[in-house]
């Protein structure tokens, strides 16, 4: 296996699961539906807000990597849900499943030998594909940590 293959494999693992802390699927497991919109005392976000934010931000990074032309989004409105509560009965599962699908798509993109991980994304400024994969993994890990705290306090 060459170093590029090793790097691609490590990126795929990093995007999907943690090697040092809880992962997304563990963090969202067993949060009761009635508690998903609750902001624990002293914390700024509910479990729903964090799940949907993870999905929205990861989707944005994925689209940046693969879609030209890319349309910038408005911060913070386009990156956070409008309410602390899921807007419908199915919103939680739909958001979590969309996050998983986009994560798999991101993994496929990063695993594609036709994608030079060190190349600058064509419509970006100085962002490489590698940087974007690391950004997505880092961002997700940060908010999964927050989600874990919210879950414990619920």
N, C-alpha and C. Protein backbone atom coordinates (compact mmCIF):
# COMPACT_ATOMS: atom_id res chain seq x y z
N UNK A 1 0.85 -1.17 0.00
CA UNK A 1 0.00 0.00 0.00
C UNK A 1 0.90 1.24 0.00
N UNK A 2 0.63 2.17 -0.90
CA UNK A 2 1.45 3.38 -0.94
C UNK A 2 0.92 4.42 0.06
N UNK A 3 1.68 5.47 0.26
CA UNK A 3 1.33 6.45 1.29
C UNK A 3 0.02 7.17 0.98
N UNK A 4 -0.28 7.38 -0.29
CA UNK A 4 -1.56 8.00 -0.64
C UNK A 4 -2.73 7.11 -0.22
N UNK A 5 -2.62 5.81 -0.46
CA UNK A 5 -3.68 4.88 -0.05
C UNK A 5 -3.83 4.85 1.46
N UNK A 6 -2.71 4.87 2.15
CA UNK A 6 -2.75 4.88 3.62
C UNK A 6 -3.44 6.14 4.12
N UNK A 7 -3.09 7.29 3.54
CA UNK A 7 -3.72 8.55 3.92
C UNK A 7 -5.23 8.51 3.65
N UNK A 8 -5.63 8.02 2.50
CA UNK A 8 -7.05 7.94 2.16
C UNK A 8 -7.80 7.04 3.15
N UNK A 9 -7.19 5.93 3.50
CA UNK A 9 -7.82 5.01 4.46
C UNK A 9 -7.97 5.68 5.83
N UNK A 10 -6.93 6.38 6.27
CA UNK A 10 -6.99 7.06 7.56
C UNK A 10 -8.04 8.18 7.55
N UNK A 11 -8.14 8.91 6.46
CA UNK A 11 -9.17 9.96 6.35
C UNK A 11 -10.57 9.36 6.43
N UNK A 12 -10.77 8.26 5.75
CA UNK A 12 -12.06 7.59 5.78
C UNK A 12 -12.43 7.19 7.20
N UNK A 13 -11.48 6.61 7.90
CA UNK A 13 -11.73 6.22 9.30
C UNK A 13 -12.01 7.44 10.17
N UNK A 14 -11.23 8.49 9.98
CA UNK A 14 -11.40 9.70 10.77
C UNK A 14 -12.78 10.32 10.55
N UNK A 15 -13.27 10.31 9.33
CA UNK A 15 -14.58 10.86 9.04
C UNK A 15 -15.71 10.02 9.63
N UNK A 16 -15.50 8.73 9.71
CA UNK A 16 -16.59 7.84 10.15
C UNK A 16 -16.64 7.62 11.64
N UNK A 17 -15.51 7.39 12.24
CA UNK A 17 -15.54 7.03 13.65
C UNK A 17 -14.35 7.64 14.37
N UNK A 18 -14.56 7.72 15.64
CA UNK A 18 -13.50 8.25 16.47
C UNK A 18 -12.52 7.14 16.82
N UNK A 19 -11.33 7.55 17.09
CA UNK A 19 -10.36 6.60 17.59
C UNK A 19 -9.94 7.01 18.99
N UNK A 20 -10.48 8.13 19.48
CA UNK A 20 -10.10 8.62 20.80
C UNK A 20 -11.30 9.03 21.65
N UNK A 21 -12.49 9.05 21.07
CA UNK A 21 -13.67 9.49 21.81
C UNK A 21 -14.92 8.92 21.16
N UNK A 22 -16.06 9.23 21.70
CA UNK A 22 -17.34 8.72 21.20
C UNK A 22 -17.58 9.23 19.77
N UNK A 23 -18.27 8.44 18.95
CA UNK A 23 -18.56 8.87 17.59
C UNK A 23 -20.01 9.33 17.47
N UNK A 24 -20.36 9.85 16.31
CA UNK A 24 -21.69 10.42 16.08
C UNK A 24 -22.80 9.44 16.41
N UNK A 25 -22.69 8.21 15.90
CA UNK A 25 -23.76 7.24 16.11
C UNK A 25 -23.96 6.91 17.58
N UNK A 26 -22.86 6.81 18.31
CA UNK A 26 -22.97 6.57 19.76
C UNK A 26 -23.58 7.79 20.46
N UNK A 27 -23.20 8.97 20.03
CA UNK A 27 -23.67 10.20 20.67
C UNK A 27 -25.17 10.40 20.50
N UNK A 28 -25.73 10.02 19.36
CA UNK A 28 -27.16 10.24 19.13
C UNK A 28 -28.04 9.09 19.61
N UNK A 29 -27.41 7.98 19.96
CA UNK A 29 -28.18 6.81 20.39
C UNK A 29 -28.89 7.09 21.72
N UNK A 30 -30.11 6.65 21.75
CA UNK A 30 -30.89 6.62 22.99
C UNK A 30 -31.17 7.99 23.60
N UNK A 31 -31.16 9.04 22.80
CA UNK A 31 -31.64 10.33 23.32
C UNK A 31 -33.15 10.32 23.13
N UNK A 32 -33.91 10.38 24.21
CA UNK A 32 -35.37 10.30 24.09
C UNK A 32 -35.93 11.43 23.23
N UNK A 33 -36.92 11.11 22.44
CA UNK A 33 -37.52 12.10 21.53
C UNK A 33 -37.97 13.34 22.28
N UNK A 34 -38.53 13.17 23.46
CA UNK A 34 -39.04 14.32 24.21
C UNK A 34 -37.94 15.23 24.75
N UNK A 35 -36.69 14.76 24.75
CA UNK A 35 -35.58 15.56 25.28
C UNK A 35 -34.73 16.20 24.18
N UNK A 36 -34.96 15.87 22.95
CA UNK A 36 -34.08 16.31 21.85
C UNK A 36 -34.09 17.82 21.63
N UNK A 37 -35.13 18.50 22.02
CA UNK A 37 -35.21 19.94 21.84
C UNK A 37 -34.91 20.72 23.11
N UNK A 38 -34.47 20.06 24.15
CA UNK A 38 -34.18 20.70 25.43
C UNK A 38 -32.74 21.21 25.48
N UNK A 39 -32.59 22.45 25.86
CA UNK A 39 -31.26 23.02 26.09
C UNK A 39 -30.96 22.87 27.58
N UNK A 40 -30.00 22.03 27.94
CA UNK A 40 -29.67 21.89 29.36
C UNK A 40 -29.23 23.24 29.95
N UNK A 41 -29.51 23.43 31.20
CA UNK A 41 -29.17 24.67 31.88
C UNK A 41 -27.70 25.02 31.69
N UNK A 42 -27.46 26.25 31.24
CA UNK A 42 -26.11 26.74 31.05
C UNK A 42 -25.47 26.39 29.71
N UNK A 43 -26.15 25.59 28.90
CA UNK A 43 -25.60 25.22 27.59
C UNK A 43 -26.38 25.92 26.48
N UNK A 44 -25.71 26.29 25.39
CA UNK A 44 -26.37 27.08 24.35
C UNK A 44 -27.19 26.29 23.34
N UNK A 45 -27.03 24.95 23.31
CA UNK A 45 -27.67 24.19 22.24
C UNK A 45 -28.37 22.94 22.77
N UNK A 46 -29.44 22.59 22.07
CA UNK A 46 -30.13 21.32 22.32
C UNK A 46 -29.45 20.23 21.49
N UNK A 47 -29.80 18.99 21.77
CA UNK A 47 -29.29 17.88 20.97
C UNK A 47 -29.71 18.05 19.51
N UNK A 48 -30.95 18.47 19.28
CA UNK A 48 -31.42 18.69 17.91
C UNK A 48 -30.57 19.73 17.18
N UNK A 49 -30.31 20.84 17.84
CA UNK A 49 -29.53 21.90 17.20
C UNK A 49 -28.14 21.38 16.81
N UNK A 50 -27.53 20.59 17.66
CA UNK A 50 -26.19 20.06 17.37
C UNK A 50 -26.22 19.05 16.23
N UNK A 51 -27.18 18.15 16.24
CA UNK A 51 -27.28 17.15 15.16
C UNK A 51 -27.49 17.84 13.82
N UNK A 52 -28.41 18.76 13.78
CA UNK A 52 -28.71 19.45 12.53
C UNK A 52 -27.54 20.34 12.09
N UNK A 53 -26.87 20.97 13.04
CA UNK A 53 -25.69 21.79 12.71
C UNK A 53 -24.58 20.92 12.13
N UNK A 54 -24.33 19.78 12.72
CA UNK A 54 -23.32 18.87 12.18
C UNK A 54 -23.66 18.51 10.74
N UNK A 55 -24.93 18.17 10.51
CA UNK A 55 -25.36 17.81 9.15
C UNK A 55 -25.18 18.96 8.18
N UNK A 56 -25.65 20.13 8.56
CA UNK A 56 -25.58 21.29 7.67
C UNK A 56 -24.14 21.68 7.33
N UNK A 57 -23.28 21.71 8.33
CA UNK A 57 -21.90 22.11 8.10
C UNK A 57 -21.15 21.07 7.27
N UNK A 58 -21.35 19.79 7.59
CA UNK A 58 -20.69 18.74 6.80
C UNK A 58 -21.15 18.78 5.35
N UNK A 59 -22.44 19.01 5.15
CA UNK A 59 -22.99 19.10 3.79
C UNK A 59 -22.35 20.25 3.03
N UNK A 60 -22.19 21.38 3.71
CA UNK A 60 -21.57 22.54 3.09
C UNK A 60 -20.14 22.24 2.66
N UNK A 61 -19.38 21.60 3.52
CA UNK A 61 -17.99 21.27 3.19
C UNK A 61 -17.94 20.28 2.03
N UNK A 62 -18.83 19.29 2.04
CA UNK A 62 -18.89 18.33 0.95
C UNK A 62 -19.22 19.02 -0.36
N UNK A 63 -20.22 19.88 -0.35
CA UNK A 63 -20.59 20.60 -1.58
C UNK A 63 -19.45 21.49 -2.06
N UNK A 64 -18.74 22.10 -1.14
CA UNK A 64 -17.60 22.93 -1.52
C UNK A 64 -16.56 22.10 -2.26
N UNK A 65 -16.36 20.87 -1.80
CA UNK A 65 -15.36 19.99 -2.42
C UNK A 65 -15.77 19.46 -3.78
N UNK A 66 -17.04 19.31 -4.03
CA UNK A 66 -17.43 18.63 -5.27
C UNK A 66 -18.27 19.45 -6.21
N UNK A 67 -18.84 20.53 -5.77
CA UNK A 67 -19.76 21.28 -6.62
C UNK A 67 -19.16 22.60 -7.08
N UNK A 68 -19.16 22.77 -8.37
CA UNK A 68 -18.77 24.06 -8.93
C UNK A 68 -19.91 24.51 -9.83
N UNK A 69 -20.39 25.68 -9.75
CA UNK A 69 -19.97 26.70 -8.81
C UNK A 69 -20.56 26.45 -7.42
N UNK A 70 -19.81 26.81 -6.43
CA UNK A 70 -20.21 26.67 -5.04
C UNK A 70 -20.82 27.98 -4.58
N UNK A 71 -21.93 27.90 -3.86
CA UNK A 71 -22.59 29.11 -3.35
C UNK A 71 -22.33 29.22 -1.84
N UNK A 72 -21.70 30.33 -1.45
CA UNK A 72 -21.47 30.58 -0.02
C UNK A 72 -22.80 30.67 0.71
N UNK A 73 -22.79 30.22 1.93
CA UNK A 73 -23.97 30.29 2.78
C UNK A 73 -23.82 31.45 3.77
N UNK A 74 -24.95 31.81 4.36
CA UNK A 74 -24.96 32.90 5.33
C UNK A 74 -24.76 32.35 6.74
N UNK A 75 -23.76 32.92 7.45
CA UNK A 75 -23.50 32.52 8.82
C UNK A 75 -24.27 33.45 9.75
N UNK A 76 -24.92 32.96 10.75
CA UNK A 76 -25.09 31.58 11.18
C UNK A 76 -26.38 30.94 10.68
N UNK A 77 -27.22 31.73 10.02
CA UNK A 77 -28.56 31.27 9.67
C UNK A 77 -28.60 29.97 8.87
N UNK A 78 -27.68 29.80 7.94
CA UNK A 78 -27.70 28.61 7.08
C UNK A 78 -26.97 27.42 7.69
N UNK A 79 -26.46 27.59 8.90
CA UNK A 79 -25.69 26.52 9.53
C UNK A 79 -26.31 25.99 10.82
N UNK A 80 -27.35 26.65 11.29
CA UNK A 80 -28.02 26.23 12.52
C UNK A 80 -29.53 26.18 12.27
N UNK A 81 -30.22 25.24 12.90
CA UNK A 81 -31.68 25.19 12.75
C UNK A 81 -32.33 26.40 13.43
N UNK A 82 -33.53 26.71 13.01
CA UNK A 82 -34.22 27.90 13.50
C UNK A 82 -34.73 27.76 14.93
N UNK A 83 -34.96 26.53 15.36
CA UNK A 83 -35.52 26.31 16.69
C UNK A 83 -34.75 25.20 17.42
N UNK A 84 -34.81 25.20 18.75
CA UNK A 84 -34.13 24.15 19.50
C UNK A 84 -34.80 22.78 19.35
N UNK A 85 -36.07 22.78 18.97
CA UNK A 85 -36.81 21.53 18.82
C UNK A 85 -36.84 21.08 17.37
N UNK A 86 -36.81 19.77 17.15
CA UNK A 86 -36.99 19.27 15.77
C UNK A 86 -38.33 19.77 15.23
N UNK A 87 -38.38 20.21 13.96
CA UNK A 87 -39.61 20.77 13.41
C UNK A 87 -40.71 19.74 13.12
N UNK A 88 -40.35 18.47 13.11
CA UNK A 88 -41.34 17.43 12.86
C UNK A 88 -40.94 16.16 13.60
N UNK A 89 -41.86 15.23 13.63
CA UNK A 89 -41.63 13.95 14.31
C UNK A 89 -40.46 13.18 13.69
N UNK A 90 -40.28 13.29 12.38
CA UNK A 90 -39.26 12.53 11.67
C UNK A 90 -37.95 13.29 11.46
N UNK A 91 -37.90 14.56 11.84
CA UNK A 91 -36.75 15.40 11.53
C UNK A 91 -35.44 14.86 12.12
N UNK A 92 -35.48 14.33 13.33
CA UNK A 92 -34.27 13.83 13.98
C UNK A 92 -33.64 12.71 13.17
N UNK A 93 -34.42 11.69 12.85
CA UNK A 93 -33.89 10.55 12.10
C UNK A 93 -33.49 10.96 10.69
N UNK A 94 -34.26 11.83 10.07
CA UNK A 94 -33.92 12.29 8.73
C UNK A 94 -32.58 13.04 8.73
N UNK A 95 -32.36 13.88 9.73
CA UNK A 95 -31.12 14.63 9.81
C UNK A 95 -29.94 13.71 10.08
N UNK A 96 -30.09 12.80 11.04
CA UNK A 96 -29.00 11.86 11.36
C UNK A 96 -28.67 10.98 10.16
N UNK A 97 -29.69 10.53 9.46
CA UNK A 97 -29.44 9.67 8.30
C UNK A 97 -28.80 10.45 7.16
N UNK A 98 -29.22 11.69 6.95
CA UNK A 98 -28.60 12.53 5.92
C UNK A 98 -27.14 12.81 6.27
N UNK A 99 -26.85 13.00 7.55
CA UNK A 99 -25.46 13.20 7.97
C UNK A 99 -24.64 11.97 7.61
N UNK A 100 -25.17 10.78 7.89
CA UNK A 100 -24.46 9.54 7.58
C UNK A 100 -24.24 9.37 6.08
N UNK A 101 -25.26 9.67 5.28
CA UNK A 101 -25.13 9.56 3.81
C UNK A 101 -24.07 10.52 3.29
N UNK A 102 -24.09 11.75 3.77
CA UNK A 102 -23.09 12.73 3.33
C UNK A 102 -21.70 12.33 3.79
N UNK A 103 -21.60 11.76 4.97
CA UNK A 103 -20.31 11.28 5.46
C UNK A 103 -19.76 10.19 4.55
N UNK A 104 -20.64 9.27 4.14
CA UNK A 104 -20.23 8.21 3.22
C UNK A 104 -19.80 8.78 1.87
N UNK A 105 -20.53 9.79 1.40
CA UNK A 105 -20.16 10.45 0.14
C UNK A 105 -18.80 11.14 0.27
N UNK A 106 -18.58 11.77 1.40
CA UNK A 106 -17.29 12.41 1.67
C UNK A 106 -16.18 11.37 1.67
N UNK A 107 -16.44 10.23 2.29
CA UNK A 107 -15.45 9.15 2.31
C UNK A 107 -15.15 8.65 0.90
N UNK A 108 -16.19 8.51 0.09
CA UNK A 108 -15.98 8.08 -1.31
C UNK A 108 -15.13 9.09 -2.06
N UNK A 109 -15.42 10.36 -1.87
CA UNK A 109 -14.66 11.41 -2.54
C UNK A 109 -13.19 11.36 -2.12
N UNK A 110 -12.94 11.25 -0.83
CA UNK A 110 -11.57 11.23 -0.34
C UNK A 110 -10.84 9.94 -0.71
N UNK A 111 -11.59 8.87 -0.98
CA UNK A 111 -10.99 7.59 -1.36
C UNK A 111 -10.73 7.49 -2.85
N UNK A 112 -11.27 8.41 -3.62
CA UNK A 112 -11.14 8.39 -5.08
C UNK A 112 -9.70 8.71 -5.47
N UNK A 113 -8.98 7.77 -6.10
CA UNK A 113 -7.60 8.04 -6.49
C UNK A 113 -7.49 9.17 -7.52
N UNK A 114 -8.60 9.51 -8.17
CA UNK A 114 -8.60 10.61 -9.13
C UNK A 114 -8.62 11.98 -8.47
N UNK A 115 -8.84 12.01 -7.17
CA UNK A 115 -8.84 13.27 -6.42
C UNK A 115 -7.48 13.40 -5.75
N UNK A 116 -6.74 14.43 -6.14
CA UNK A 116 -5.45 14.71 -5.53
C UNK A 116 -5.71 15.44 -4.21
N UNK A 117 -5.47 14.75 -3.11
CA UNK A 117 -5.77 15.30 -1.79
C UNK A 117 -5.02 16.60 -1.50
N UNK A 118 -3.89 16.79 -2.17
CA UNK A 118 -3.08 17.98 -1.93
C UNK A 118 -3.37 19.11 -2.91
N UNK A 119 -4.29 18.86 -3.84
CA UNK A 119 -4.66 19.89 -4.81
C UNK A 119 -5.62 20.89 -4.18
N UNK A 120 -5.56 22.11 -4.66
CA UNK A 120 -6.50 23.13 -4.21
C UNK A 120 -7.84 22.88 -4.89
N UNK A 121 -8.91 22.95 -4.12
CA UNK A 121 -10.25 22.80 -4.66
C UNK A 121 -10.42 23.88 -5.73
N UNK A 122 -10.79 23.50 -6.97
CA UNK A 122 -10.75 24.44 -8.10
C UNK A 122 -11.43 25.79 -7.87
N UNK A 123 -12.56 25.82 -7.20
CA UNK A 123 -13.24 27.10 -7.01
C UNK A 123 -12.97 27.70 -5.63
N UNK A 124 -11.98 27.13 -4.92
CA UNK A 124 -11.60 27.67 -3.61
C UNK A 124 -10.51 28.71 -3.77
N UNK A 125 -9.94 29.09 -2.66
CA UNK A 125 -8.83 30.03 -2.69
C UNK A 125 -7.54 29.27 -2.45
N UNK A 126 -7.36 28.77 -1.23
CA UNK A 126 -6.16 27.97 -0.96
C UNK A 126 -6.50 26.67 -0.23
N UNK A 127 -7.77 26.28 -0.25
CA UNK A 127 -8.22 25.09 0.46
C UNK A 127 -7.95 23.83 -0.37
N UNK A 128 -7.26 22.88 0.23
CA UNK A 128 -7.02 21.60 -0.43
C UNK A 128 -8.11 20.62 -0.03
N UNK A 129 -8.23 19.54 -0.77
CA UNK A 129 -9.18 18.49 -0.42
C UNK A 129 -8.84 17.89 0.94
N UNK A 130 -7.55 17.73 1.20
CA UNK A 130 -7.12 17.20 2.49
C UNK A 130 -7.55 18.13 3.62
N UNK A 131 -7.34 19.41 3.44
CA UNK A 131 -7.75 20.37 4.47
C UNK A 131 -9.24 20.28 4.74
N UNK A 132 -10.04 20.16 3.70
CA UNK A 132 -11.49 20.10 3.86
C UNK A 132 -11.92 18.83 4.59
N UNK A 133 -11.28 17.71 4.30
CA UNK A 133 -11.60 16.46 5.01
C UNK A 133 -11.24 16.59 6.48
N UNK A 134 -10.08 17.17 6.77
CA UNK A 134 -9.68 17.36 8.16
C UNK A 134 -10.60 18.36 8.87
N UNK A 135 -11.01 19.39 8.16
CA UNK A 135 -11.95 20.36 8.71
C UNK A 135 -13.27 19.69 9.08
N UNK A 136 -13.80 18.88 8.18
CA UNK A 136 -15.06 18.19 8.46
C UNK A 136 -14.93 17.27 9.66
N UNK A 137 -13.86 16.49 9.71
CA UNK A 137 -13.66 15.56 10.83
C UNK A 137 -13.49 16.32 12.14
N UNK A 138 -12.72 17.39 12.13
CA UNK A 138 -12.48 18.19 13.33
C UNK A 138 -13.78 18.84 13.81
N UNK A 139 -14.50 19.44 12.88
CA UNK A 139 -15.77 20.09 13.22
C UNK A 139 -16.76 19.09 13.80
N UNK A 140 -16.88 17.95 13.16
CA UNK A 140 -17.81 16.94 13.65
C UNK A 140 -17.42 16.47 15.04
N UNK A 141 -16.13 16.22 15.25
CA UNK A 141 -15.67 15.73 16.56
C UNK A 141 -15.97 16.75 17.66
N UNK A 142 -15.74 18.01 17.37
CA UNK A 142 -16.01 19.06 18.36
C UNK A 142 -17.47 19.04 18.78
N UNK A 143 -18.37 19.02 17.80
CA UNK A 143 -19.79 19.08 18.13
C UNK A 143 -20.33 17.75 18.65
N UNK A 144 -19.73 16.65 18.28
CA UNK A 144 -20.12 15.37 18.88
C UNK A 144 -19.77 15.39 20.37
N UNK A 145 -18.65 16.02 20.71
CA UNK A 145 -18.31 16.19 22.12
C UNK A 145 -19.37 17.00 22.85
N UNK A 146 -19.81 18.09 22.24
CA UNK A 146 -20.87 18.89 22.84
C UNK A 146 -22.16 18.07 22.98
N UNK A 147 -22.46 17.32 21.94
CA UNK A 147 -23.66 16.48 21.95
C UNK A 147 -23.60 15.46 23.08
N UNK A 148 -22.43 14.94 23.34
CA UNK A 148 -22.26 13.97 24.42
C UNK A 148 -22.54 14.62 25.78
N UNK A 149 -22.07 15.85 25.95
CA UNK A 149 -22.35 16.56 27.20
C UNK A 149 -23.85 16.82 27.34
N UNK A 150 -24.48 17.28 26.27
CA UNK A 150 -25.93 17.52 26.30
C UNK A 150 -26.66 16.22 26.66
N UNK A 151 -26.29 15.14 26.02
CA UNK A 151 -26.93 13.84 26.28
C UNK A 151 -26.80 13.46 27.76
N UNK A 152 -25.63 13.63 28.31
CA UNK A 152 -25.40 13.26 29.72
C UNK A 152 -26.24 14.13 30.67
N UNK A 153 -26.38 15.40 30.31
CA UNK A 153 -27.16 16.29 31.19
C UNK A 153 -28.67 16.12 31.04
N UNK A 154 -29.10 15.52 29.95
CA UNK A 154 -30.53 15.28 29.77
C UNK A 154 -30.97 14.13 30.65
